[in-house]
Amino acid sequence: FPKLLAGPIERAKPFLEQLAAPIRLDPQLVASGLQLMLWGLIKKTVIADNLAEFVNNAFLTPAFQSPVTLLVAVYLYAFQIYCDFSGYSDIAIGSARVLGIQLMNNFKRPYLAKSVAEFWSQRWHISLSRWFRDYLYIPLGGNRVPWWRVQLNLLIVFLVSGLWHGANWTFVIWGGLNGLYQIVFRLLQAGWDRLKVPVRPPSWLSGFLNTLITFHLITLSWVFFRASSVQEAWTILTRISGSFQRLPMLLSVYNWSSQLRLLFAMIAVLLLVEIWDEQRPVRAWLARQPAVIRWGVYYGAIALLLTLGKWGFEEFVYMQF
């Protein structure tokens, strides 16, 4: 059955126990697996691969692109890599589930995370994060060592994570940035707690701001992950940052094509589904609906695949690692 090394990365004991168990056809698992596969195919072929066309063109020659094009490409890549990798995981988990094998969830709406620590430990590539926790962070001492060693352990884990993706300085910087984010956040959190401010912002406002800040920090680090060299990443960041004062004017005269508007509409729908799923699981809601609504959703999803899906356009991003 389809289980690949990029994830979910399963532990041997529960995984082998399932392989040893008798094969049985469970209609609920089949239905759930097909739903996951359908959603994964939409994320990959409809969203990720349509985003990839714009992103690839922008990152190919960043020195010759406008600052707005580069800025848009940076944002689009954040959603491309998420939909590409989580779509792959959904297809792998779903197709295994159809055959009676339960694999762990590998993504949990990562761009709704309220901190970089939450993003990596609880929401993005969860199986790999747990692997690094159990086989690197804890053997290094985890959080059972002096404060400065805990921060060093975190940084080492993320630097190794960067090297795991490839022997390139771009990946090292990407990993180092995410490690530094967590160290700085811990320092700020400790200072904020010591201040004991009597009046604090409403929880919904602080949660929204934390999510917004976390998303932009992660998106910034994705520039190094996507760029082919440190020089290329630096070119992108300097061209964008050097145009901040003129950005409102540049945005107003930019050519917002119908293709770009469609891409942003796809992202908006994705975020709405994710926010809904965070509050109340969408598949559980769908299971309670009449057959006409359920099958209307299924046929609508298939229509999207047929009309907007780019088949064979781009291989899965994580197949290169």
C-alpha atoms as a PDB file:
ATOM      1  CA  PHE A   1       0.000   0.000   0.000  1.00  0.00           C
ATOM      2  CA  PRO A   2       1.165   3.603  -0.527  1.00  0.00           C
ATOM      3  CA  LYS A   3       3.468   4.610   2.324  1.00  0.00           C
ATOM      4  CA  LEU A   4       6.452   6.796   1.455  1.00  0.00           C
ATOM      5  CA  LEU A   5       9.433   7.923   3.501  1.00  0.00           C
ATOM      6  CA  ALA A   6       8.656  11.656   3.378  1.00  0.00           C
ATOM      7  CA  GLY A   7       5.836  11.188   5.866  1.00  0.00           C
ATOM      8  CA  PRO A   8       3.944  10.393   7.897  1.00  0.00           C
ATOM      9  CA  ILE A   9       6.966   8.825   9.602  1.00  0.00           C
ATOM     10  CA  GLU A  10       5.446   5.975  11.593  1.00  0.00           C
ATOM     11  CA  ARG A  11       6.806   4.215  14.664  1.00  0.00           C
ATOM     12  CA  ALA A  12       7.590   0.543  14.145  1.00  0.00           C
ATOM     13  CA  LYS A  13       5.468  -1.066  16.908  1.00  0.00           C
ATOM     14  CA  PRO A  14       1.977   0.275  16.080  1.00  0.00           C
ATOM     15  CA  PHE A  15       2.772   0.197  12.366  1.00  0.00           C
ATOM     16  CA  LEU A  16       3.914  -3.449  12.282  1.00  0.00           C
ATOM     17  CA  GLU A  17       1.015  -4.526  14.503  1.00  0.00           C
ATOM     18  CA  GLN A  18      -1.377  -3.217  11.851  1.00  0.00           C
ATOM     19  CA  LEU A  19       0.489  -5.084   9.120  1.00  0.00           C
ATOM     20  CA  ALA A  20       0.264  -8.299  11.123  1.00  0.00           C
ATOM     21  CA  ALA A  21      -3.479  -7.928  11.780  1.00  0.00           C
ATOM     22  CA  PRO A  22      -5.977  -9.654   9.460  1.00  0.00           C
ATOM     23  CA  ILE A  23      -7.072  -7.565   6.484  1.00  0.00           C
ATOM     24  CA  ARG A  24     -10.660  -6.337   6.791  1.00  0.00           C
ATOM     25  CA  LEU A  25     -12.806  -4.010   4.734  1.00  0.00           C
ATOM     26  CA  ASP A  26     -14.227  -1.213   6.897  1.00  0.00           C
ATOM     27  CA  PRO A  27     -16.754   0.946   4.975  1.00  0.00           C
ATOM     28  CA  GLN A  28     -16.182   3.899   7.321  1.00  0.00           C
ATOM     29  CA  LEU A  29     -12.418   3.771   6.808  1.00  0.00           C
ATOM     30  CA  VAL A  30     -12.915   3.490   3.040  1.00  0.00           C
ATOM     31  CA  ALA A  31     -15.202   6.535   2.971  1.00  0.00           C
ATOM     32  CA  SER A  32     -12.884   8.534   5.234  1.00  0.00           C
ATOM     33  CA  GLY A  33      -9.854   7.546   3.158  1.00  0.00           C
ATOM     34  CA  LEU A  34     -11.492   8.542  -0.127  1.00  0.00           C
ATOM     35  CA  GLN A  35     -12.487  11.907   1.366  1.00  0.00           C
ATOM     36  CA  LEU A  36      -8.896  12.526   2.467  1.00  0.00           C
ATOM     37  CA  MET A  37      -7.552  11.534  -0.948  1.00  0.00           C
ATOM     38  CA  LEU A  38      -9.998  13.877  -2.680  1.00  0.00           C
ATOM     39  CA  TRP A  39      -9.062  16.807  -0.427  1.00  0.00           C
ATOM     40  CA  GLY A  40      -5.367  16.018  -0.858  1.00  0.00           C
ATOM     41  CA  LEU A  41      -5.700  15.970  -4.654  1.00  0.00           C
ATOM     42  CA  ILE A  42      -7.441  19.353  -4.574  1.00  0.00           C
ATOM     43  CA  LYS A  43      -4.701  20.841  -2.420  1.00  0.00           C
ATOM     44  CA  LYS A  44      -1.988  19.449  -4.711  1.00  0.00           C
ATOM     45  CA  THR A  45      -3.341  19.779  -8.261  1.00  0.00           C
ATOM     46  CA  VAL A  46      -5.810  22.661  -7.894  1.00  0.00           C
ATOM     47  CA  ILE A  47      -4.060  24.925  -5.371  1.00  0.00           C
ATOM     48  CA  ALA A  48      -0.356  24.045  -5.065  1.00  0.00           C
ATOM     49  CA  ASP A  49       0.390  23.451  -8.737  1.00  0.00           C
ATOM     50  CA  ASN A  50      -1.486  26.559  -9.889  1.00  0.00           C
ATOM     51  CA  LEU A  51       0.492  28.584  -7.345  1.00  0.00           C
ATOM     52  CA  ALA A  52       3.730  26.905  -8.473  1.00  0.00           C
ATOM     53  CA  GLU A  53       3.518  28.387 -11.963  1.00  0.00           C
ATOM     54  CA  PHE A  54       3.679  31.974 -10.647  1.00  0.00           C
ATOM     55  CA  VAL A  55       6.193  31.156  -7.897  1.00  0.00           C
ATOM     56  CA  ASN A  56       8.589  29.329 -10.227  1.00  0.00           C
ATOM     57  CA  ASN A  57       8.681  32.225 -12.685  1.00  0.00           C
ATOM     58  CA  ALA A  58       9.344  34.759  -9.925  1.00  0.00           C
ATOM     59  CA  PHE A  59      12.090  32.762  -8.177  1.00  0.00           C
ATOM     60  CA  LEU A  60      13.780  31.840 -11.476  1.00  0.00           C
ATOM     61  CA  THR A  61      15.080  35.392 -12.105  1.00  0.00           C
ATOM     62  CA  PRO A  62      14.437  37.452  -8.942  1.00  0.00           C
ATOM     63  CA  ALA A  63      16.821  40.241  -9.972  1.00  0.00           C
ATOM     64  CA  PHE A  64      14.587  40.996 -12.986  1.00  0.00           C
ATOM     65  CA  GLN A  65      11.242  40.839 -11.156  1.00  0.00           C
ATOM     66  CA  SER A  66       9.375  43.778  -9.663  1.00  0.00           C
ATOM     67  CA  PRO A  67       9.250  44.052  -5.846  1.00  0.00           C
ATOM     68  CA  VAL A  68       5.494  43.412  -5.873  1.00  0.00           C
ATOM     69  CA  THR A  69       5.911  40.263  -7.979  1.00  0.00           C
ATOM     70  CA  LEU A  70       8.505  38.978  -5.515  1.00  0.00           C
ATOM     71  CA  LEU A  71       6.323  39.862  -2.524  1.00  0.00           C
ATOM     72  CA  VAL A  72       3.337  38.072  -4.042  1.00  0.00           C
ATOM     73  CA  ALA A  73       5.519  35.064  -4.898  1.00  0.00           C
ATOM     74  CA  VAL A  74       6.782  34.841  -1.301  1.00  0.00           C
ATOM     75  CA  TYR A  75       3.224  34.737   0.042  1.00  0.00           C
ATOM     76  CA  LEU A  76       2.078  32.295  -2.621  1.00  0.00           C
ATOM     77  CA  TYR A  77       4.985  29.958  -1.913  1.00  0.00           C
ATOM     78  CA  ALA A  78       3.974  29.704   1.743  1.00  0.00           C
ATOM     79  CA  PHE A  79       0.670  28.228   0.606  1.00  0.00           C
ATOM     80  CA  GLN A  80       2.170  26.249  -2.267  1.00  0.00           C
ATOM     81  CA  ILE A  81       4.528  24.271  -0.038  1.00  0.00           C
ATOM     82  CA  TYR A  82       1.790  23.733   2.545  1.00  0.00           C
ATOM     83  CA  CYS A  83      -0.796  22.489   0.041  1.00  0.00           C
ATOM     84  CA  ASP A  84       1.799  20.416  -1.803  1.00  0.00           C
ATOM     85  CA  PHE A  85       3.163  18.622   1.251  1.00  0.00           C
ATOM     86  CA  SER A  86      -0.056  18.330   3.263  1.00  0.00           C
ATOM     87  CA  GLY A  87      -1.865  17.265   0.082  1.00  0.00           C
ATOM     88  CA  TYR A  88       0.701  14.502  -0.385  1.00  0.00           C
ATOM     89  CA  SER A  89       0.238  13.438   3.250  1.00  0.00           C
ATOM     90  CA  ASP A  90      -3.551  13.397   2.879  1.00  0.00           C
ATOM     91  CA  ILE A  91      -3.297  11.204  -0.226  1.00  0.00           C
ATOM     92  CA  ALA A  92      -0.876   8.812   1.514  1.00  0.00           C
ATOM     93  CA  ILE A  93      -2.941   8.620   4.715  1.00  0.00           C
ATOM     94  CA  GLY A  94      -6.223   8.319   2.811  1.00  0.00           C
ATOM     95  CA  SER A  95      -5.107   5.602   0.393  1.00  0.00           C
ATOM     96  CA  ALA A  96      -3.620   3.586   3.260  1.00  0.00           C
ATOM     97  CA  ARG A  97      -6.845   4.020   5.223  1.00  0.00           C
ATOM     98  CA  VAL A  98      -8.868   2.592   2.322  1.00  0.00           C
ATOM     99  CA  LEU A  99      -6.763  -0.565   2.720  1.00  0.00           C
ATOM    100  CA  GLY A 100      -7.324  -0.677   6.487  1.00  0.00           C
ATOM    101  CA  ILE A 101      -4.020   0.894   7.611  1.00  0.00           C
ATOM    102  CA  GLN A 102      -4.236   3.893   9.954  1.00  0.00           C
ATOM    103  CA  LEU A 103      -1.352   6.371   9.629  1.00  0.00           C
ATOM    104  CA  MET A 104      -0.888   9.323  11.982  1.00  0.00           C
ATOM    105  CA  ASN A 105      -2.035  12.818  11.089  1.00  0.00           C
ATOM    106  CA  ASN A 106       0.914  14.808   9.728  1.00  0.00           C
ATOM    107  CA  PHE A 107      -0.560  18.320   9.491  1.00  0.00           C
ATOM    108  CA  LYS A 108      -3.003  20.228  11.657  1.00  0.00           C
ATOM    109  CA  ARG A 109      -3.851  23.592  10.054  1.00  0.00           C
ATOM    110  CA  PRO A 110      -0.325  24.989  10.619  1.00  0.00           C
ATOM    111  CA  TYR A 111      -0.950  28.584   9.563  1.00  0.00           C
ATOM    112  CA  LEU A 112      -3.382  28.982  12.460  1.00  0.00           C
ATOM    113  CA  ALA A 113      -0.540  28.433  14.956  1.00  0.00           C
ATOM    114  CA  LYS A 114      -0.086  31.181  17.556  1.00  0.00           C
ATOM    115  CA  SER A 115       3.672  30.661  17.951  1.00  0.00           C
ATOM    116  CA  VAL A 116       6.577  29.183  16.017  1.00  0.00           C
ATOM    117  CA  ALA A 117       6.919  26.499  18.713  1.00  0.00           C
ATOM    118  CA  GLU A 118       3.279  25.482  18.216  1.00  0.00           C
ATOM    119  CA  PHE A 119       3.742  25.542  14.436  1.00  0.00           C
ATOM    120  CA  TRP A 120       6.603  23.035  14.491  1.00  0.00           C
ATOM    121  CA  SER A 121       5.674  20.831  17.441  1.00  0.00           C
ATOM    122  CA  GLN A 122       1.925  20.481  16.929  1.00  0.00           C
ATOM    123  CA  ARG A 123       0.946  21.453  13.390  1.00  0.00           C
ATOM    124  CA  TRP A 124       3.602  21.075  10.640  1.00  0.00           C
ATOM    125  CA  HIS A 125       5.094  17.700   9.621  1.00  0.00           C
ATOM    126  CA  ILE A 126       4.187  16.417  13.071  1.00  0.00           C
ATOM    127  CA  SER A 127       5.738  12.990  12.579  1.00  0.00           C
ATOM    128  CA  LEU A 128       9.179  14.429  11.722  1.00  0.00           C
ATOM    129  CA  SER A 129       9.012  16.914  14.618  1.00  0.00           C
ATOM    130  CA  ARG A 130       8.341  14.032  17.023  1.00  0.00           C
ATOM    131  CA  TRP A 131      11.195  12.056  15.504  1.00  0.00           C
ATOM    132  CA  PHE A 132      13.633  14.931  16.103  1.00  0.00           C
ATOM    133  CA  ARG A 133      12.242  15.387  19.617  1.00  0.00           C
ATOM    134  CA  ASP A 134      12.691  11.739  20.598  1.00  0.00           C
ATOM    135  CA  TYR A 135      15.955  10.965  18.796  1.00  0.00           C
ATOM    136  CA  LEU A 136      17.849  14.261  19.027  1.00  0.00           C
ATOM    137  CA  TYR A 137      16.338  16.818  21.416  1.00  0.00           C
ATOM    138  CA  ILE A 138      15.746  14.457  24.363  1.00  0.00           C
ATOM    139  CA  PRO A 139      19.128  12.663  24.022  1.00  0.00           C
ATOM    140  CA  LEU A 140      20.791  16.097  24.060  1.00  0.00           C
ATOM    141  CA  GLY A 141      19.156  16.681  27.427  1.00  0.00           C
ATOM    142  CA  GLY A 142      15.861  18.190  26.337  1.00  0.00           C
ATOM    143  CA  ASN A 143      14.575  20.634  28.923  1.00  0.00           C
ATOM    144  CA  ARG A 144      16.192  18.793  31.852  1.00  0.00           C
ATOM    145  CA  VAL A 145      19.400  20.835  31.543  1.00  0.00           C
ATOM    146  CA  PRO A 146      20.319  24.449  32.417  1.00  0.00           C
ATOM    147  CA  TRP A 147      18.353  27.173  30.636  1.00  0.00           C
ATOM    148  CA  TRP A 148      21.116  28.065  28.189  1.00  0.00           C
ATOM    149  CA  ARG A 149      21.542  24.396  27.220  1.00  0.00           C
ATOM    150  CA  VAL A 150      17.823  24.093  26.461  1.00  0.00           C
ATOM    151  CA  GLN A 151      18.132  26.978  23.989  1.00  0.00           C
ATOM    152  CA  LEU A 152      21.270  25.447  22.480  1.00  0.00           C
ATOM    153  CA  ASN A 153      19.495  22.098  22.126  1.00  0.00           C
ATOM    154  CA  LEU A 154      16.640  23.790  20.268  1.00  0.00           C
ATOM    155  CA  LEU A 155      19.046  25.516  17.918  1.00  0.00           C
ATOM    156  CA  ILE A 156      20.957  22.293  17.238  1.00  0.00           C
ATOM    157  CA  VAL A 157      17.726  20.436  16.421  1.00  0.00           C
ATOM    158  CA  PHE A 158      16.674  23.039  13.881  1.00  0.00           C
ATOM    159  CA  LEU A 159      20.112  23.297  12.313  1.00  0.00           C
ATOM    160  CA  VAL A 160      20.164  19.513  11.882  1.00  0.00           C
ATOM    161  CA  SER A 161      16.633  19.700  10.486  1.00  0.00           C
ATOM    162  CA  GLY A 162      17.915  22.154   7.898  1.00  0.00           C
ATOM    163  CA  LEU A 163      20.784  19.833   6.960  1.00  0.00           C
ATOM    164  CA  TRP A 164      18.319  16.944   6.721  1.00  0.00           C
ATOM    165  CA  HIS A 165      16.696  18.773   3.805  1.00  0.00           C
ATOM    166  CA  GLY A 166      19.987  19.257   1.987  1.00  0.00           C
ATOM    167  CA  ALA A 167      23.649  20.236   2.286  1.00  0.00           C
ATOM    168  CA  ASN A 168      23.014  23.824   1.276  1.00  0.00           C
ATOM    169  CA  TRP A 169      23.481  27.041   3.250  1.00  0.00           C
ATOM    170  CA  THR A 170      19.909  28.051   2.416  1.00  0.00           C
ATOM    171  CA  PHE A 171      18.569  25.113   4.435  1.00  0.00           C
ATOM    172  CA  VAL A 172      20.987  25.794   7.295  1.00  0.00           C
ATOM    173  CA  ILE A 173      19.802  29.420   7.478  1.00  0.00           C
ATOM    174  CA  TRP A 174      16.178  28.283   7.263  1.00  0.00           C
ATOM    175  CA  GLY A 175      16.672  25.899  10.174  1.00  0.00           C
ATOM    176  CA  GLY A 176      18.715  28.413  12.168  1.00  0.00           C
ATOM    177  CA  LEU A 177      16.056  31.107  11.729  1.00  0.00           C
ATOM    178  CA  ASN A 178      13.332  28.837  13.071  1.00  0.00           C
ATOM    179  CA  GLY A 179      15.517  27.872  16.014  1.00  0.00           C
ATOM    180  CA  LEU A 180      16.283  31.535  16.785  1.00  0.00           C
ATOM    181  CA  TYR A 181      12.600  32.426  16.535  1.00  0.00           C
ATOM    182  CA  GLN A 182      11.827  30.058  19.394  1.00  0.00           C
ATOM    183  CA  ILE A 183      14.714  31.257  21.565  1.00  0.00           C
ATOM    184  CA  VAL A 184      13.710  34.920  21.110  1.00  0.00           C
ATOM    185  CA  PHE A 185      10.058  34.083  21.764  1.00  0.00           C
ATOM    186  CA  ARG A 186      10.970  32.329  25.021  1.00  0.00           C
ATOM    187  CA  LEU A 187      12.998  35.365  26.120  1.00  0.00           C
ATOM    188  CA  LEU A 188      10.175  37.768  25.281  1.00  0.00           C
ATOM    189  CA  GLN A 189       7.607  35.527  26.966  1.00  0.00           C
ATOM    190  CA  ALA A 190       9.695  35.360  30.152  1.00  0.00           C
ATOM    191  CA  GLY A 191      10.078  39.146  30.181  1.00  0.00           C
ATOM    192  CA  TRP A 192       6.375  39.695  29.525  1.00  0.00           C
ATOM    193  CA  ASP A 193       5.402  37.349  32.357  1.00  0.00           C
ATOM    194  CA  ARG A 194       7.705  39.172  34.783  1.00  0.00           C
ATOM    195  CA  LEU A 195       6.140  42.531  33.938  1.00  0.00           C
ATOM    196  CA  LYS A 196       2.780  41.386  35.354  1.00  0.00           C
ATOM    197  CA  VAL A 197       0.831  43.915  33.283  1.00  0.00           C
ATOM    198  CA  PRO A 198      -2.595  44.442  34.953  1.00  0.00           C
ATOM    199  CA  VAL A 199      -4.434  45.164  31.678  1.00  0.00           C
ATOM    200  CA  ARG A 200      -3.877  42.836  28.743  1.00  0.00           C
ATOM    201  CA  PRO A 201      -5.478  42.779  25.287  1.00  0.00           C
ATOM    202  CA  PRO A 202      -8.527  40.524  24.727  1.00  0.00           C
ATOM    203  CA  SER A 203      -7.612  36.904  24.056  1.00  0.00           C
ATOM    204  CA  TRP A 204      -9.118  36.994  20.543  1.00  0.00           C
ATOM    205  CA  LEU A 205      -7.009  40.017  19.611  1.00  0.00           C
ATOM    206  CA  SER A 206      -3.765  38.651  21.053  1.00  0.00           C
ATOM    207  CA  GLY A 207      -4.480  35.285  19.402  1.00  0.00           C
ATOM    208  CA  PHE A 208      -5.043  36.937  16.013  1.00  0.00           C
ATOM    209  CA  LEU A 209      -1.877  39.041  16.312  1.00  0.00           C
ATOM    210  CA  ASN A 210       0.188  36.034  17.418  1.00  0.00           C
ATOM    211  CA  THR A 211      -1.101  34.019  14.459  1.00  0.00           C
ATOM    212  CA  LEU A 212      -0.340  36.874  12.059  1.00  0.00           C
ATOM    213  CA  ILE A 213       3.193  37.352  13.429  1.00  0.00           C
ATOM    214  CA  THR A 214       3.887  33.598  13.401  1.00  0.00           C
ATOM    215  CA  PHE A 215       2.704  33.297   9.792  1.00  0.00           C
ATOM    216  CA  HIS A 216       4.997  36.100   8.636  1.00  0.00           C
ATOM    217  CA  LEU A 217       8.004  34.756  10.520  1.00  0.00           C
ATOM    218  CA  ILE A 218       7.507  31.333   8.934  1.00  0.00           C
ATOM    219  CA  THR A 219       6.922  32.909   5.506  1.00  0.00           C
ATOM    220  CA  LEU A 220      10.167  34.849   5.827  1.00  0.00           C
ATOM    221  CA  SER A 221      12.075  31.633   6.524  1.00  0.00           C
ATOM    222  CA  TRP A 222      10.438  29.933   3.511  1.00  0.00           C
ATOM    223  CA  VAL A 223      12.314  32.380   1.250  1.00  0.00           C
ATOM    224  CA  PHE A 224      15.586  30.643   2.143  1.00  0.00           C
ATOM    225  CA  PHE A 225      13.950  27.221   1.838  1.00  0.00           C
ATOM    226  CA  ARG A 226      12.774  27.956  -1.720  1.00  0.00           C
ATOM    227  CA  ALA A 227      15.708  29.991  -3.037  1.00  0.00           C
ATOM    228  CA  SER A 228      18.462  28.127  -4.875  1.00  0.00           C
ATOM    229  CA  SER A 229      21.186  30.150  -3.138  1.00  0.00           C
ATOM    230  CA  VAL A 230      21.699  32.554  -0.256  1.00  0.00           C
ATOM    231  CA  GLN A 231      22.438  35.318  -2.786  1.00  0.00           C
ATOM    232  CA  GLU A 232      19.103  34.701  -4.503  1.00  0.00           C
ATOM    233  CA  ALA A 233      17.228  34.795  -1.186  1.00  0.00           C
ATOM    234  CA  TRP A 234      19.039  37.999  -0.220  1.00  0.00           C
ATOM    235  CA  THR A 235      18.144  39.572  -3.573  1.00  0.00           C
ATOM    236  CA  ILE A 236      14.472  38.812  -3.005  1.00  0.00           C
ATOM    237  CA  LEU A 237      14.429  40.182   0.538  1.00  0.00           C
ATOM    238  CA  THR A 238      16.410  43.337  -0.267  1.00  0.00           C
ATOM    239  CA  ARG A 239      14.301  44.174  -3.322  1.00  0.00           C
ATOM    240  CA  ILE A 240      11.125  43.834  -1.267  1.00  0.00           C
ATOM    241  CA  SER A 241      12.405  45.678   1.821  1.00  0.00           C
ATOM    242  CA  GLY A 242      13.928  48.440  -0.303  1.00  0.00           C
ATOM    243  CA  SER A 243      10.504  49.242  -1.737  1.00  0.00           C
ATOM    244  CA  PHE A 244       8.463  49.404   1.476  1.00  0.00           C
ATOM    245  CA  GLN A 245       7.935  53.159   1.256  1.00  0.00           C
ATOM    246  CA  ARG A 246       6.697  52.910  -2.338  1.00  0.00           C
ATOM    247  CA  LEU A 247       4.754  49.698  -1.773  1.00  0.00           C
ATOM    248  CA  PRO A 248       1.228  51.259  -1.616  1.00  0.00           C
ATOM    249  CA  MET A 249       1.817  52.993  -4.952  1.00  0.00           C
ATOM    250  CA  LEU A 250       3.370  49.896  -6.518  1.00  0.00           C
ATOM    251  CA  LEU A 251       0.459  47.747  -5.364  1.00  0.00           C
ATOM    252  CA  SER A 252      -2.077  50.179  -6.831  1.00  0.00           C
ATOM    253  CA  VAL A 253      -0.515  50.100 -10.325  1.00  0.00           C
ATOM    254  CA  TYR A 254       0.377  46.391 -10.343  1.00  0.00           C
ATOM    255  CA  ASN A 255      -1.199  44.177 -12.979  1.00  0.00           C
ATOM    256  CA  TRP A 256      -3.588  42.065 -10.905  1.00  0.00           C
ATOM    257  CA  SER A 257      -4.470  39.547 -13.592  1.00  0.00           C
ATOM    258  CA  SER A 258      -7.490  37.273 -13.470  1.00  0.00           C
ATOM    259  CA  GLN A 259      -5.116  34.359 -12.825  1.00  0.00           C
ATOM    260  CA  LEU A 260      -3.695  36.064  -9.741  1.00  0.00           C
ATOM    261  CA  ARG A 261      -7.159  36.907  -8.452  1.00  0.00           C
ATOM    262  CA  LEU A 262      -8.111  33.247  -8.892  1.00  0.00           C
ATOM    263  CA  LEU A 263      -5.025  32.168  -6.923  1.00  0.00           C
ATOM    264  CA  PHE A 264      -5.882  34.454  -4.018  1.00  0.00           C
ATOM    265  CA  ALA A 265      -9.496  33.241  -4.136  1.00  0.00           C
ATOM    266  CA  MET A 266      -8.222  29.650  -3.799  1.00  0.00           C
ATOM    267  CA  ILE A 267      -6.148  30.638  -0.772  1.00  0.00           C
ATOM    268  CA  ALA A 268      -9.128  32.444   0.794  1.00  0.00           C
ATOM    269  CA  VAL A 269     -11.325  29.343   0.402  1.00  0.00           C
ATOM    270  CA  LEU A 270      -8.557  27.156   1.858  1.00  0.00           C
ATOM    271  CA  LEU A 271      -8.239  29.429   4.910  1.00  0.00           C
ATOM    272  CA  LEU A 272     -12.011  29.502   5.434  1.00  0.00           C
ATOM    273  CA  VAL A 273     -12.124  25.690   5.379  1.00  0.00           C
ATOM    274  CA  GLU A 274      -9.165  25.513   7.788  1.00  0.00           C
ATOM    275  CA  ILE A 275     -10.730  28.004  10.220  1.00  0.00           C
ATOM    276  CA  TRP A 276     -14.022  26.099  10.060  1.00  0.00           C
ATOM    277  CA  ASP A 277     -12.205  22.800  10.601  1.00  0.00           C
ATOM    278  CA  GLU A 278     -10.357  24.278  13.593  1.00  0.00           C
ATOM    279  CA  GLN A 279     -13.690  25.083  15.265  1.00  0.00           C
ATOM    280  CA  ARG A 280     -15.660  22.032  14.146  1.00  0.00           C
ATOM    281  CA  PRO A 281     -14.276  19.153  12.020  1.00  0.00           C
ATOM    282  CA  VAL A 282     -15.605  19.540   8.488  1.00  0.00           C
ATOM    283  CA  ARG A 283     -15.720  15.801   7.768  1.00  0.00           C
ATOM    284  CA  ALA A 284     -17.773  15.187  10.914  1.00  0.00           C
ATOM    285  CA  TRP A 285     -20.194  17.910   9.808  1.00  0.00           C
ATOM    286  CA  LEU A 286     -20.349  16.434   6.296  1.00  0.00           C
ATOM    287  CA  ALA A 287     -21.110  12.960   7.659  1.00  0.00           C
ATOM    288  CA  ARG A 288     -24.274  14.315   9.328  1.00  0.00           C
ATOM    289  CA  GLN A 289     -25.647  15.875   6.150  1.00  0.00           C
ATOM    290  CA  PRO A 290     -28.199  14.290   3.789  1.00  0.00           C
ATOM    291  CA  ALA A 291     -26.832  12.285   0.875  1.00  0.00           C
ATOM    292  CA  VAL A 292     -27.715  15.017  -1.638  1.00  0.00           C
ATOM    293  CA  ILE A 293     -25.453  17.526   0.170  1.00  0.00           C
ATOM    294  CA  ARG A 294     -22.623  15.036   0.681  1.00  0.00           C
ATOM    295  CA  TRP A 295     -22.587  13.946  -2.937  1.00  0.00           C
ATOM    296  CA  GLY A 296     -23.003  17.527  -4.094  1.00  0.00           C
ATOM    297  CA  VAL A 297     -19.761  18.322  -2.268  1.00  0.00           C
ATOM    298  CA  TYR A 298     -18.032  15.283  -3.769  1.00  0.00           C
ATOM    299  CA  TYR A 299     -19.108  16.055  -7.346  1.00  0.00           C
ATOM    300  CA  GLY A 300     -18.191  19.713  -6.847  1.00  0.00           C
ATOM    301  CA  ALA A 301     -14.716  18.665  -5.710  1.00  0.00           C
ATOM    302  CA  ILE A 302     -14.318  16.352  -8.718  1.00  0.00           C
ATOM    303  CA  ALA A 303     -15.424  19.199 -11.020  1.00  0.00           C
ATOM    304  CA  LEU A 304     -12.698  21.389  -9.502  1.00  0.00           C
ATOM    305  CA  LEU A 305     -10.114  18.682 -10.193  1.00  0.00           C
ATOM    306  CA  LEU A 306     -11.239  18.387 -13.819  1.00  0.00           C
ATOM    307  CA  THR A 307     -11.458  22.111 -14.551  1.00  0.00           C
ATOM    308  CA  LEU A 308      -8.635  23.660 -12.504  1.00  0.00           C
ATOM    309  CA  GLY A 309      -6.341  20.741 -11.682  1.00  0.00           C
ATOM    310  CA  LYS A 310      -2.847  20.738 -13.207  1.00  0.00           C
ATOM    311  CA  TRP A 311      -2.033  17.059 -13.657  1.00  0.00           C
ATOM    312  CA  GLY A 312       1.625  16.096 -13.978  1.00  0.00           C
ATOM    313  CA  PHE A 313       2.702  19.760 -13.844  1.00  0.00           C
ATOM    314  CA  GLU A 314       4.901  19.594 -10.747  1.00  0.00           C
ATOM    315  CA  GLU A 315       6.258  16.710  -8.682  1.00  0.00           C
ATOM    316  CA  PHE A 316       5.725  16.722  -4.942  1.00  0.00           C
ATOM    317  CA  VAL A 317       8.118  19.203  -3.307  1.00  0.00           C
ATOM    318  CA  TYR A 318       9.285  16.723  -0.655  1.00  0.00           C
ATOM    319  CA  MET A 319      10.201  14.075  -3.189  1.00  0.00           C
ATOM    320  CA  GLN A 320      13.541  15.906  -3.600  1.00  0.00           C
ATOM    321  CA  PHE A 321      14.567  15.423   0.060  1.00  0.00           C
END
